[in-house]
Amino acid sequence: MPSDNENRDRRRRAILEILQGGPPVASQKEIVDLLKSQGIEATQSSISRDLQDLGAVRVEGRYEINAWADLEEDELKRVFRFVHKAQASGDSLIVLLTDSGAALSSVRAVDRTGLNAAQTPAHPPARSR
């Protein structure tokens, strides 16, 4: 029996195929129905999470997957191709300038790393006095 992660990955690959290769899809319910026709059971809430994680956007009433959506590639490498500038803004804030539509995916990728700015080479630990 496939694991939850295997099911999720299979579902996400199918969603990518649906959105990149088929007719326009206007609702998450349509995606659920299309997946069901492929033998993949999914709930609207799991589709919603998948669409967010895949970087799907709604354009003119339909879902689209941006060109950088690729499940096989490391997430940070995938999104940082679309970061044009990163600038520290204080001790605990970094501002990223990205391609249009890539900001949310970029921020999520950074958040998922669990990195703490205080642990990076650019921000060495404060010295005791």
Protein backbone atom coordinates (compact mmCIF):
# COMPACT_ATOMS: atom_id res chain seq x y z
CA MET A 1 0.00 0.00 0.00
CA PRO A 2 1.47 3.41 -0.97
CA SER A 3 2.48 5.82 1.78
CA ASP A 4 0.79 9.19 2.29
CA ASN A 5 3.79 10.90 0.68
CA GLU A 6 3.64 8.59 -2.34
CA ASN A 7 -0.09 9.27 -2.71
CA ARG A 8 0.52 13.01 -2.41
CA ASP A 9 3.31 12.95 -5.00
CA ARG A 10 1.18 10.90 -7.41
CA ARG A 11 -1.75 13.29 -6.94
CA ARG A 12 0.48 16.32 -7.50
CA ARG A 13 1.99 14.86 -10.67
CA ALA A 14 -1.55 14.26 -11.94
CA ILE A 15 -2.56 17.83 -11.06
CA LEU A 16 0.44 19.15 -12.98
CA GLU A 17 -0.55 17.09 -16.00
CA ILE A 18 -4.16 18.28 -15.76
CA LEU A 19 -3.24 21.95 -15.50
CA GLN A 20 -0.39 21.94 -18.01
CA GLY A 21 -1.81 19.67 -20.67
CA GLY A 22 -5.57 19.78 -20.60
CA PRO A 23 -8.39 22.22 -21.08
CA PRO A 24 -8.65 25.13 -18.61
CA VAL A 25 -9.82 24.17 -15.12
CA ALA A 26 -11.84 26.75 -13.22
CA SER A 27 -12.47 25.07 -9.86
CA GLN A 28 -10.94 22.72 -7.34
CA LYS A 29 -14.07 20.55 -7.66
CA GLU A 30 -13.21 20.03 -11.34
CA ILE A 31 -9.73 18.89 -10.32
CA VAL A 32 -11.19 16.46 -7.76
CA ASP A 33 -13.48 15.02 -10.48
CA LEU A 34 -10.66 14.76 -13.04
CA LEU A 35 -8.43 12.99 -10.50
CA LYS A 36 -11.26 10.62 -9.62
CA SER A 37 -11.60 9.70 -13.31
CA GLN A 38 -7.90 8.69 -13.14
CA GLY A 39 -8.51 6.56 -10.05
CA ILE A 40 -7.02 9.10 -7.63
CA GLU A 41 -9.17 9.95 -4.62
CA ALA A 42 -8.72 13.47 -3.22
CA THR A 43 -10.57 15.98 -1.11
CA GLN A 44 -11.03 19.65 -1.93
CA SER A 45 -8.85 20.58 1.06
CA SER A 46 -5.95 18.38 -0.15
CA ILE A 47 -6.30 19.88 -3.65
CA SER A 48 -6.20 23.37 -2.14
CA ARG A 49 -2.93 22.56 -0.30
CA ASP A 50 -1.48 20.91 -3.40
CA LEU A 51 -2.29 23.93 -5.58
CA GLN A 52 -0.60 26.24 -3.06
CA ASP A 53 2.48 24.04 -2.78
CA LEU A 54 2.74 23.64 -6.56
CA GLY A 55 2.62 27.41 -7.01
CA ALA A 56 -0.66 27.35 -8.95
CA VAL A 57 -2.28 30.70 -9.59
CA ARG A 58 -5.74 31.70 -10.77
CA VAL A 59 -5.60 33.67 -13.99
CA GLU A 60 -8.76 34.90 -15.65
CA GLY A 61 -10.91 32.36 -13.80
CA ARG A 62 -8.73 29.29 -14.35
CA TYR A 63 -5.83 27.60 -12.57
CA GLU A 64 -2.37 27.74 -14.08
CA ILE A 65 0.94 26.25 -13.03
CA ASN A 66 3.91 28.50 -13.54
CA ALA A 67 6.85 27.27 -15.58
CA TRP A 68 9.00 26.67 -12.49
CA ALA A 69 6.70 23.95 -11.10
CA ASP A 70 8.80 20.76 -11.18
CA LEU A 71 8.46 18.15 -8.44
CA GLU A 72 11.76 16.48 -9.31
CA GLU A 73 13.92 19.51 -8.51
CA ASP A 74 15.07 20.72 -5.11
CA GLU A 75 12.55 23.29 -3.91
CA LEU A 76 15.00 26.08 -3.06
CA LYS A 77 16.86 25.72 -6.34
CA ARG A 78 13.54 25.72 -8.16
CA VAL A 79 12.28 28.98 -6.69
CA PHE A 80 15.53 30.88 -6.35
CA ARG A 81 15.89 31.02 -10.11
CA PHE A 82 13.12 33.62 -9.86
CA VAL A 83 14.67 35.70 -7.07
CA HIS A 84 16.39 38.75 -8.53
CA LYS A 85 17.51 40.39 -5.32
CA ALA A 86 17.68 39.54 -1.63
CA GLN A 87 18.37 42.29 0.86
CA ALA A 88 18.57 42.26 4.65
CA SER A 89 16.21 44.69 6.26
CA GLY A 90 17.02 44.63 9.96
CA ASP A 91 18.17 41.72 12.12
CA SER A 92 15.40 39.27 11.29
CA LEU A 93 13.93 40.27 7.93
CA ILE A 94 15.04 39.57 4.38
CA VAL A 95 13.32 41.22 1.42
CA LEU A 96 13.19 39.20 -1.82
CA LEU A 97 12.49 40.71 -5.24
CA THR A 98 11.06 37.96 -7.46
CA ASP A 99 9.42 37.41 -10.81
CA SER A 100 5.72 38.17 -10.85
CA GLY A 101 3.84 35.32 -9.18
CA ALA A 102 6.93 33.72 -7.60
CA ALA A 103 7.00 35.52 -4.24
CA LEU A 104 4.70 33.19 -2.32
CA SER A 105 6.43 30.04 -3.57
CA SER A 106 9.83 31.55 -2.73
CA VAL A 107 8.81 32.49 0.81
CA ARG A 108 7.29 29.06 1.45
CA ALA A 109 10.46 27.36 0.23
CA VAL A 110 12.57 29.47 2.62
CA ASP A 111 10.16 28.80 5.50
CA ARG A 112 10.28 25.03 4.91
CA THR A 113 14.06 24.97 5.27
CA GLY A 114 13.76 25.87 8.93
CA LEU A 115 16.76 28.15 8.59
CA ASN A 116 17.17 30.82 11.19
CA ALA A 117 18.85 33.98 9.88
CA ALA A 118 20.95 34.05 13.06
CA GLN A 119 22.49 30.71 11.97
CA THR A 120 23.59 31.73 8.48
CA PRO A 121 27.12 32.90 7.53
CA ALA A 122 25.75 36.32 6.64
CA HIS A 123 24.51 36.72 10.22
CA PRO A 124 27.15 35.35 12.62
CA PRO A 125 26.15 35.00 16.27
CA ALA A 126 26.42 38.17 18.35
CA ARG A 127 29.58 38.41 20.44
CA SER A 128 29.35 38.61 24.20
CA ARG A 129 30.84 41.72 25.69
